[in-house]
Amino acid sequence: TRRGIAGCDSSRPMSNGEHGSPQVFSGVTTEQFAKLTAKAQAAGIDLHGNSGKASKFGVDVAWNYVPETKELTLHCLSTPFFVKPADVDAKIKALVTESLC
């Protein structure tokens, strides 16, 4: 699923009804990615570098940021039985939108 960020108006991420699929955000500048990384680290999520995996409260997430294309991919890999993957995807989408707009 591709989602545009630049301008943060009509290009806001929209739900596609899927869960567990990678979410791809386009138009993410290096400054915006740094802001998002700092916000994740402040929340206790070990997000370092342009790609990797992190886990918190049993939720495993992978990310990949390509500065040259300004593309950020976030993927919820697993959740505990009491957390719906769709809820995690919705939270990721909201956090990225909030952080970048």
C-alpha atoms as a PDB file:
ATOM      1  CA  THR A   1       0.000   0.000   0.000  1.00  0.00           C
ATOM      2  CA  ARG A   2       1.514   3.334  -1.038  1.00  0.00           C
ATOM      3  CA  ARG A   3       0.727   6.485   0.851  1.00  0.00           C
ATOM      4  CA  GLY A   4       1.951   9.972   0.050  1.00  0.00           C
ATOM      5  CA  ILE A   5       3.063  12.360   2.781  1.00  0.00           C
ATOM      6  CA  ALA A   6       4.422  15.424   0.992  1.00  0.00           C
ATOM      7  CA  GLY A   7       2.211  18.403   1.730  1.00  0.00           C
ATOM      8  CA  CYS A   8       0.116  16.397   4.198  1.00  0.00           C
ATOM      9  CA  ASP A   9      -3.179  17.424   2.652  1.00  0.00           C
ATOM     10  CA  SER A  10      -4.890  15.242   0.053  1.00  0.00           C
ATOM     11  CA  SER A  11      -1.975  12.798   0.259  1.00  0.00           C
ATOM     12  CA  ARG A  12      -2.801  11.666   3.777  1.00  0.00           C
ATOM     13  CA  PRO A  13      -2.544   7.901   4.295  1.00  0.00           C
ATOM     14  CA  MET A  14      -5.854   6.164   3.811  1.00  0.00           C
ATOM     15  CA  SER A  15      -6.914   2.809   5.184  1.00  0.00           C
ATOM     16  CA  ASN A  16      -7.103   0.057   2.614  1.00  0.00           C
ATOM     17  CA  GLY A  17      -8.805  -2.521   4.817  1.00  0.00           C
ATOM     18  CA  GLU A  18      -5.718  -4.732   4.904  1.00  0.00           C
ATOM     19  CA  HIS A  19      -3.683  -5.616   7.941  1.00  0.00           C
ATOM     20  CA  GLY A  20      -0.332  -7.237   8.234  1.00  0.00           C
ATOM     21  CA  SER A  21       0.821  -5.787   4.914  1.00  0.00           C
ATOM     22  CA  PRO A  22       3.730  -3.355   4.700  1.00  0.00           C
ATOM     23  CA  GLN A  23       2.706   0.294   4.714  1.00  0.00           C
ATOM     24  CA  VAL A  24       4.714   2.422   2.288  1.00  0.00           C
ATOM     25  CA  PHE A  25       4.860   6.191   2.774  1.00  0.00           C
ATOM     26  CA  SER A  26       6.304   8.278  -0.031  1.00  0.00           C
ATOM     27  CA  GLY A  27       7.714  11.802   0.041  1.00  0.00           C
ATOM     28  CA  VAL A  28       9.325  11.391   3.492  1.00  0.00           C
ATOM     29  CA  THR A  29      12.305  13.752   3.788  1.00  0.00           C
ATOM     30  CA  THR A  30      15.371  12.906   5.856  1.00  0.00           C
ATOM     31  CA  GLU A  31      14.320  15.613   8.332  1.00  0.00           C
ATOM     32  CA  GLN A  32      10.863  14.063   8.682  1.00  0.00           C
ATOM     33  CA  PHE A  33      12.365  10.601   9.142  1.00  0.00           C
ATOM     34  CA  ALA A  34      14.698  11.962  11.843  1.00  0.00           C
ATOM     35  CA  LYS A  35      11.683  13.490  13.617  1.00  0.00           C
ATOM     36  CA  LEU A  36       9.791  10.203  13.436  1.00  0.00           C
ATOM     37  CA  THR A  37      12.849   8.285  14.679  1.00  0.00           C
ATOM     38  CA  ALA A  38      13.255  10.648  17.641  1.00  0.00           C
ATOM     39  CA  LYS A  39       9.581  10.269  18.516  1.00  0.00           C
ATOM     40  CA  ALA A  40       9.839   6.470  18.401  1.00  0.00           C
ATOM     41  CA  GLN A  41      12.963   6.494  20.577  1.00  0.00           C
ATOM     42  CA  ALA A  42      11.259   8.802  23.097  1.00  0.00           C
ATOM     43  CA  ALA A  43       8.471   6.220  23.315  1.00  0.00           C
ATOM     44  CA  GLY A  44      11.015   3.498  24.069  1.00  0.00           C
ATOM     45  CA  ILE A  45      11.086   1.937  20.608  1.00  0.00           C
ATOM     46  CA  ASP A  46      14.617   1.047  19.553  1.00  0.00           C
ATOM     47  CA  LEU A  47      14.494   2.549  16.051  1.00  0.00           C
ATOM     48  CA  HIS A  48      18.036   3.259  14.835  1.00  0.00           C
ATOM     49  CA  GLY A  49      19.301   3.545  11.285  1.00  0.00           C
ATOM     50  CA  ASN A  50      17.481   3.422   7.988  1.00  0.00           C
ATOM     51  CA  SER A  51      16.310  -0.169   8.391  1.00  0.00           C
ATOM     52  CA  GLY A  52      15.808  -2.750  11.069  1.00  0.00           C
ATOM     53  CA  LYS A  53      13.377  -4.421  13.436  1.00  0.00           C
ATOM     54  CA  ALA A  54      12.099  -3.409  16.847  1.00  0.00           C
ATOM     55  CA  SER A  55       9.819  -4.919  19.457  1.00  0.00           C
ATOM     56  CA  LYS A  56       7.775  -3.466  22.281  1.00  0.00           C
ATOM     57  CA  PHE A  57       5.035  -5.137  24.335  1.00  0.00           C
ATOM     58  CA  GLY A  58       5.127  -8.144  22.006  1.00  0.00           C
ATOM     59  CA  VAL A  59       4.550  -6.105  18.852  1.00  0.00           C
ATOM     60  CA  ASP A  60       7.319  -6.639  16.288  1.00  0.00           C
ATOM     61  CA  VAL A  61       7.792  -3.992  13.604  1.00  0.00           C
ATOM     62  CA  ALA A  62      10.248  -3.698  10.710  1.00  0.00           C
ATOM     63  CA  TRP A  63      11.141  -0.512   8.868  1.00  0.00           C
ATOM     64  CA  ASN A  64      13.100   0.515   5.814  1.00  0.00           C
ATOM     65  CA  TYR A  65      13.791   4.104   4.812  1.00  0.00           C
ATOM     66  CA  VAL A  66      15.365   4.949   1.455  1.00  0.00           C
ATOM     67  CA  PRO A  67      16.486   8.606   1.518  1.00  0.00           C
ATOM     68  CA  GLU A  68      17.152   8.698  -2.214  1.00  0.00           C
ATOM     69  CA  THR A  69      13.538   7.846  -3.051  1.00  0.00           C
ATOM     70  CA  LYS A  70      12.062   9.391   0.135  1.00  0.00           C
ATOM     71  CA  GLU A  71      10.197   6.153   0.767  1.00  0.00           C
ATOM     72  CA  LEU A  72       9.490   4.731   4.228  1.00  0.00           C
ATOM     73  CA  THR A  73       8.148   1.199   4.629  1.00  0.00           C
ATOM     74  CA  LEU A  74       6.760   0.093   7.989  1.00  0.00           C
ATOM     75  CA  HIS A  75       5.545  -3.447   8.588  1.00  0.00           C
ATOM     76  CA  CYS A  76       3.924  -4.983  11.646  1.00  0.00           C
ATOM     77  CA  LEU A  77       5.439  -8.473  11.711  1.00  0.00           C
ATOM     78  CA  SER A  78       3.663  -9.937  14.730  1.00  0.00           C
ATOM     79  CA  THR A  79       1.439  -9.075  17.659  1.00  0.00           C
ATOM     80  CA  PRO A  80       0.437 -10.834  20.861  1.00  0.00           C
ATOM     81  CA  PHE A  81      -2.864 -12.719  20.704  1.00  0.00           C
ATOM     82  CA  PHE A  82      -4.760  -9.892  22.405  1.00  0.00           C
ATOM     83  CA  VAL A  83      -3.705  -7.191  19.903  1.00  0.00           C
ATOM     84  CA  LYS A  84      -5.213  -7.083  16.418  1.00  0.00           C
ATOM     85  CA  PRO A  85      -2.694  -6.464  13.615  1.00  0.00           C
ATOM     86  CA  ALA A  86      -5.206  -4.042  12.059  1.00  0.00           C
ATOM     87  CA  ASP A  87      -5.085  -1.937  15.243  1.00  0.00           C
ATOM     88  CA  VAL A  88      -1.284  -1.775  15.063  1.00  0.00           C
ATOM     89  CA  ASP A  89      -1.431  -0.811  11.378  1.00  0.00           C
ATOM     90  CA  ALA A  90      -3.926   1.955  12.173  1.00  0.00           C
ATOM     91  CA  LYS A  91      -1.703   3.261  14.986  1.00  0.00           C
ATOM     92  CA  ILE A  92       1.357   3.235  12.708  1.00  0.00           C
ATOM     93  CA  LYS A  93      -0.544   5.169  10.056  1.00  0.00           C
ATOM     94  CA  ALA A  94      -1.770   7.731  12.619  1.00  0.00           C
ATOM     95  CA  LEU A  95       1.673   8.194  14.184  1.00  0.00           C
ATOM     96  CA  VAL A  96       3.399   8.685  10.836  1.00  0.00           C
ATOM     97  CA  THR A  97       0.769  11.155   9.665  1.00  0.00           C
ATOM     98  CA  GLU A  98       0.871  13.060  12.968  1.00  0.00           C
ATOM     99  CA  SER A  99       4.663  13.161  12.986  1.00  0.00           C
ATOM    100  CA  LEU A 100       5.100  14.273   9.402  1.00  0.00           C
ATOM    101  CA  CYS A 101       2.348  16.855   9.048  1.00  0.00           C
END
